[in-house]
Protein backbone atom coordinates (compact mmCIF):
# COMPACT_ATOMS: atom_id res chain seq x y z
CA UNK A 1 22.33 -8.27 -12.05
CA UNK A 2 21.12 -6.97 -15.39
CA UNK A 3 21.79 -3.32 -16.08
CA UNK A 4 20.48 -1.40 -19.07
CA UNK A 5 21.77 2.06 -20.00
CA UNK A 6 21.18 4.30 -22.96
CA UNK A 7 21.72 7.93 -23.80
CA UNK A 8 18.59 10.10 -23.64
CA UNK A 9 19.08 13.62 -25.02
CA UNK A 10 21.75 15.18 -22.86
CA UNK A 11 21.27 12.69 -20.02
CA UNK A 12 21.75 9.01 -19.29
CA UNK A 13 18.90 6.62 -18.51
CA UNK A 14 19.76 3.46 -16.57
CA UNK A 15 17.62 0.73 -15.04
CA UNK A 16 18.52 -1.96 -12.53
CA UNK A 17 16.22 -4.10 -10.43
CA UNK A 18 13.13 -1.96 -11.09
CA UNK A 19 14.70 1.42 -10.30
CA UNK A 20 15.47 3.84 -13.12
CA UNK A 21 17.61 6.94 -12.75
CA UNK A 22 17.81 9.78 -15.26
CA UNK A 23 20.75 12.08 -14.77
CA UNK A 24 20.78 15.36 -16.69
CA UNK A 25 23.07 18.40 -16.57
CA UNK A 26 22.16 20.93 -13.87
CA UNK A 27 20.99 23.57 -16.34
CA UNK A 28 18.51 21.09 -17.93
CA UNK A 29 16.63 20.30 -14.70
CA UNK A 30 14.79 22.91 -12.70
CA UNK A 31 14.79 22.52 -8.89
CA UNK A 32 11.15 23.62 -8.91
CA UNK A 33 10.07 21.05 -11.52
CA UNK A 34 6.76 19.31 -10.89
CA UNK A 35 6.95 15.54 -11.11
CA UNK A 36 4.33 12.81 -11.28
CA UNK A 37 3.67 10.90 -7.99
CA UNK A 38 6.23 8.13 -8.63
CA UNK A 39 9.04 10.52 -9.57
CA UNK A 40 11.22 12.50 -7.19
CA UNK A 41 13.67 15.28 -8.02
CA UNK A 42 16.72 15.82 -5.88
CA UNK A 43 19.48 18.41 -6.12
CA UNK A 44 22.81 17.00 -4.99
CA UNK A 45 24.36 20.50 -5.09
CA UNK A 46 26.94 19.39 -7.63
CA UNK A 47 26.71 19.92 -11.38
CA UNK A 48 23.72 17.66 -11.98
CA UNK A 49 20.19 16.94 -10.87
CA UNK A 50 18.87 13.39 -10.47
CA UNK A 51 15.36 12.20 -11.23
CA UNK A 52 14.57 8.73 -9.82
CA UNK A 53 11.62 6.70 -11.04
CA UNK A 54 10.78 3.70 -8.84
CA UNK A 55 8.86 0.90 -10.49
CA UNK A 56 5.51 0.36 -8.77
CA UNK A 57 5.41 -2.69 -6.53
CA UNK A 58 2.48 -5.04 -6.79
CA UNK A 59 1.37 -8.18 -5.01
CA UNK A 60 -0.36 -11.05 -6.81
CA UNK A 61 -4.09 -11.37 -6.15
CA UNK A 62 -4.58 -14.67 -4.37
CA UNK A 63 -6.65 -16.35 -1.71
CA UNK A 64 -3.88 -17.84 0.41
CA UNK A 65 -5.45 -16.95 3.77
CA UNK A 66 -5.03 -19.92 6.16
CA UNK A 67 -8.56 -19.64 7.64
CA UNK A 68 -10.65 -20.00 4.45
CA UNK A 69 -14.26 -20.80 5.24
CA UNK A 70 -13.85 -20.30 8.98
CA UNK A 71 -16.22 -17.73 10.41
CA UNK A 72 -15.65 -18.31 14.10
CA UNK A 73 -12.79 -18.44 16.53
CA UNK A 74 -9.82 -16.18 17.16
CA UNK A 75 -6.74 -16.17 14.93
CA UNK A 76 -3.17 -16.04 16.32
CA UNK A 77 -3.19 -12.22 15.90
CA UNK A 78 -6.25 -11.85 18.14
CA UNK A 79 -8.86 -11.03 15.46
CA UNK A 80 -11.97 -13.03 14.54
CA UNK A 81 -11.26 -15.55 11.76
CA UNK A 82 -12.90 -14.86 8.41
CA UNK A 83 -13.25 -11.15 9.08
CA UNK A 84 -11.56 -8.39 7.07
CA UNK A 85 -9.34 -7.46 10.03
CA UNK A 86 -8.01 -11.02 10.38
CA UNK A 87 -7.24 -11.20 6.66
CA UNK A 88 -5.54 -7.76 6.70
CA UNK A 89 -3.42 -8.76 9.72
CA UNK A 90 -2.44 -11.99 8.01
CA UNK A 91 -1.60 -10.19 4.72
CA UNK A 92 0.64 -7.70 6.55
CA UNK A 93 2.49 -10.54 8.23
CA UNK A 94 2.82 -12.93 5.29
CA UNK A 95 3.10 -10.56 2.34
CA UNK A 96 4.74 -7.42 3.73
CA UNK A 97 6.71 -8.92 6.64
CA UNK A 98 5.20 -6.72 9.38
CA UNK A 99 4.67 -8.64 12.65
CA UNK A 100 1.22 -7.11 13.06
CA UNK A 101 -1.27 -8.17 15.76
CA UNK A 102 -4.21 -6.61 17.60
CA UNK A 103 -1.92 -4.91 20.14
CA UNK A 104 0.69 -3.78 17.57
CA UNK A 105 3.01 -0.99 18.78
CA UNK A 106 1.48 -0.92 22.26
CA UNK A 107 -2.13 -0.18 21.29
CA UNK A 108 -4.75 -1.59 23.66
CA UNK A 109 -6.36 -3.03 20.53
CA UNK A 110 -6.71 -2.14 16.86
CA UNK A 111 -10.24 -3.56 17.02
CA UNK A 112 -12.84 -3.15 14.29
CA UNK A 113 -11.79 -1.87 10.86
CA UNK A 114 -13.13 1.66 11.44
CA UNK A 115 -10.81 1.95 14.50
CA UNK A 116 -7.60 1.18 12.55
CA UNK A 117 -6.90 4.75 11.39
CA UNK A 118 -7.01 6.10 14.96
CA UNK A 119 -4.89 3.19 16.25
CA UNK A 120 -2.34 3.74 13.46
CA UNK A 121 -2.03 7.44 14.26
CA UNK A 122 -1.59 6.74 17.99
CA UNK A 123 1.05 4.10 17.16
CA UNK A 124 2.93 6.46 14.82
CA UNK A 125 2.13 4.45 11.68
CA UNK A 126 1.59 6.76 8.68
CA UNK A 127 -1.94 7.20 7.33
CA UNK A 128 -2.20 8.49 3.75
CA UNK A 129 -4.95 9.70 1.41
CA UNK A 130 -3.58 7.88 -1.66
CA UNK A 131 -2.88 4.12 -1.90
CA UNK A 132 0.36 2.25 -2.46
CA UNK A 133 0.69 -1.50 -2.99
CA UNK A 134 1.15 -3.11 0.43
CA UNK A 135 -1.03 -0.55 2.24
CA UNK A 136 -4.11 -1.42 4.24
CA UNK A 137 -7.08 0.39 2.69
CA UNK A 138 -9.67 1.57 5.22
CA UNK A 139 -13.35 2.42 4.78
CA UNK A 140 -14.55 4.29 7.85
CA UNK A 141 -18.30 4.15 7.13
CA UNK A 142 -20.74 1.54 8.36
CA UNK A 143 -21.08 -0.12 11.74
CA UNK A 144 -17.64 -1.74 11.74
CA UNK A 145 -15.88 -0.17 8.74
CA UNK A 146 -13.84 -2.33 6.38
CA UNK A 147 -10.14 -2.99 5.67
CA UNK A 148 -8.48 -4.60 2.66
CA UNK A 149 -4.95 -5.24 1.39
CA UNK A 150 -3.85 -3.11 -1.61
CA UNK A 151 -2.29 -5.41 -4.20
CA UNK A 152 -1.75 -2.92 -7.04
CA UNK A 153 -2.26 0.75 -7.91
CA UNK A 154 -3.35 1.37 -11.51
CA UNK A 155 -2.15 4.25 -13.70
CA UNK A 156 -5.66 5.81 -13.72
CA UNK A 157 -5.72 6.13 -9.90
CA UNK A 158 -7.91 3.12 -9.22
CA UNK A 159 -6.39 0.28 -7.24
CA UNK A 160 -6.92 -3.41 -6.57
CA UNK A 161 -7.53 -5.06 -3.22
CA UNK A 162 -7.63 -8.52 -1.71
CA UNK A 163 -10.18 -8.74 1.09
CA UNK A 164 -12.40 -10.95 3.21
CA UNK A 165 -15.98 -10.58 4.37
CA UNK A 166 -17.07 -7.94 1.85
CA UNK A 167 -18.76 -9.53 -1.17
CA UNK A 168 -19.86 -12.61 0.84
CA UNK A 169 -19.69 -13.43 4.53
CA UNK A 170 -16.32 -14.92 5.55
CA UNK A 171 -15.24 -15.20 1.88
CA UNK A 172 -12.34 -13.87 -0.19
CA UNK A 173 -12.78 -11.33 -2.97
CA UNK A 174 -10.49 -9.33 -5.24
CA UNK A 175 -11.74 -6.15 -6.88
CA UNK A 176 -10.79 -2.85 -8.45
CA UNK A 177 -11.85 0.19 -6.46
CA UNK A 178 -11.28 3.94 -6.21
CA UNK A 179 -10.53 6.46 -3.50
CA UNK A 180 -13.66 7.95 -1.95
CA UNK A 181 -16.14 7.76 0.88
CA UNK A 182 -18.76 5.57 -0.82
CA UNK A 183 -19.74 2.17 0.56
CA UNK A 184 -17.58 0.41 -2.05
CA UNK A 185 -14.60 2.79 -1.76
CA UNK A 186 -11.72 3.46 0.65
CA UNK A 187 -10.67 6.87 1.97
CA UNK A 188 -7.57 6.14 4.09
CA UNK A 189 -4.47 4.03 3.61
CA UNK A 190 -2.26 2.77 6.43
CA UNK A 191 1.35 2.49 5.29
CA UNK A 192 3.17 -0.03 7.49
CA UNK A 193 6.27 -0.11 5.20
């Protein structure tokens, strides 16, 4: 395991396996400090404060869905092949390691994309307003809604998704999008892990 450490002002900055920790004397860190979204401040009630910065996780954009070009039939997770819901279920299983299916956590069915937020809430799965890599992005508008797999969150707040059945019927696409309620945006993010 590689470990890098160097002195920073009155503190020590160290990094190992994508996690950096900055430790500064207690008087140098305010317990009411405001941090950016990927930084947390904790007070261990000793003589120091710790600021942890977790490196953002990202998933490679790739079309590795096993049902490419198939627009009919039911997949093993009980969704229609080639649809956004089938791809999202597959991505959760293969990329994130969640054993997701259409009756996940006792729900009668997760159903169409626009039903996923309600199903997640009933199942106790967190629903957020901001994306994280590995989330399922949900667009609630339209007849069926739309879901996609978040592969990366960019520094400017936009994010990238892998998806099926959006740009072309039963086809893969990868695109950069933003949070919002427009037809090409996503407003909710289901955080399975």
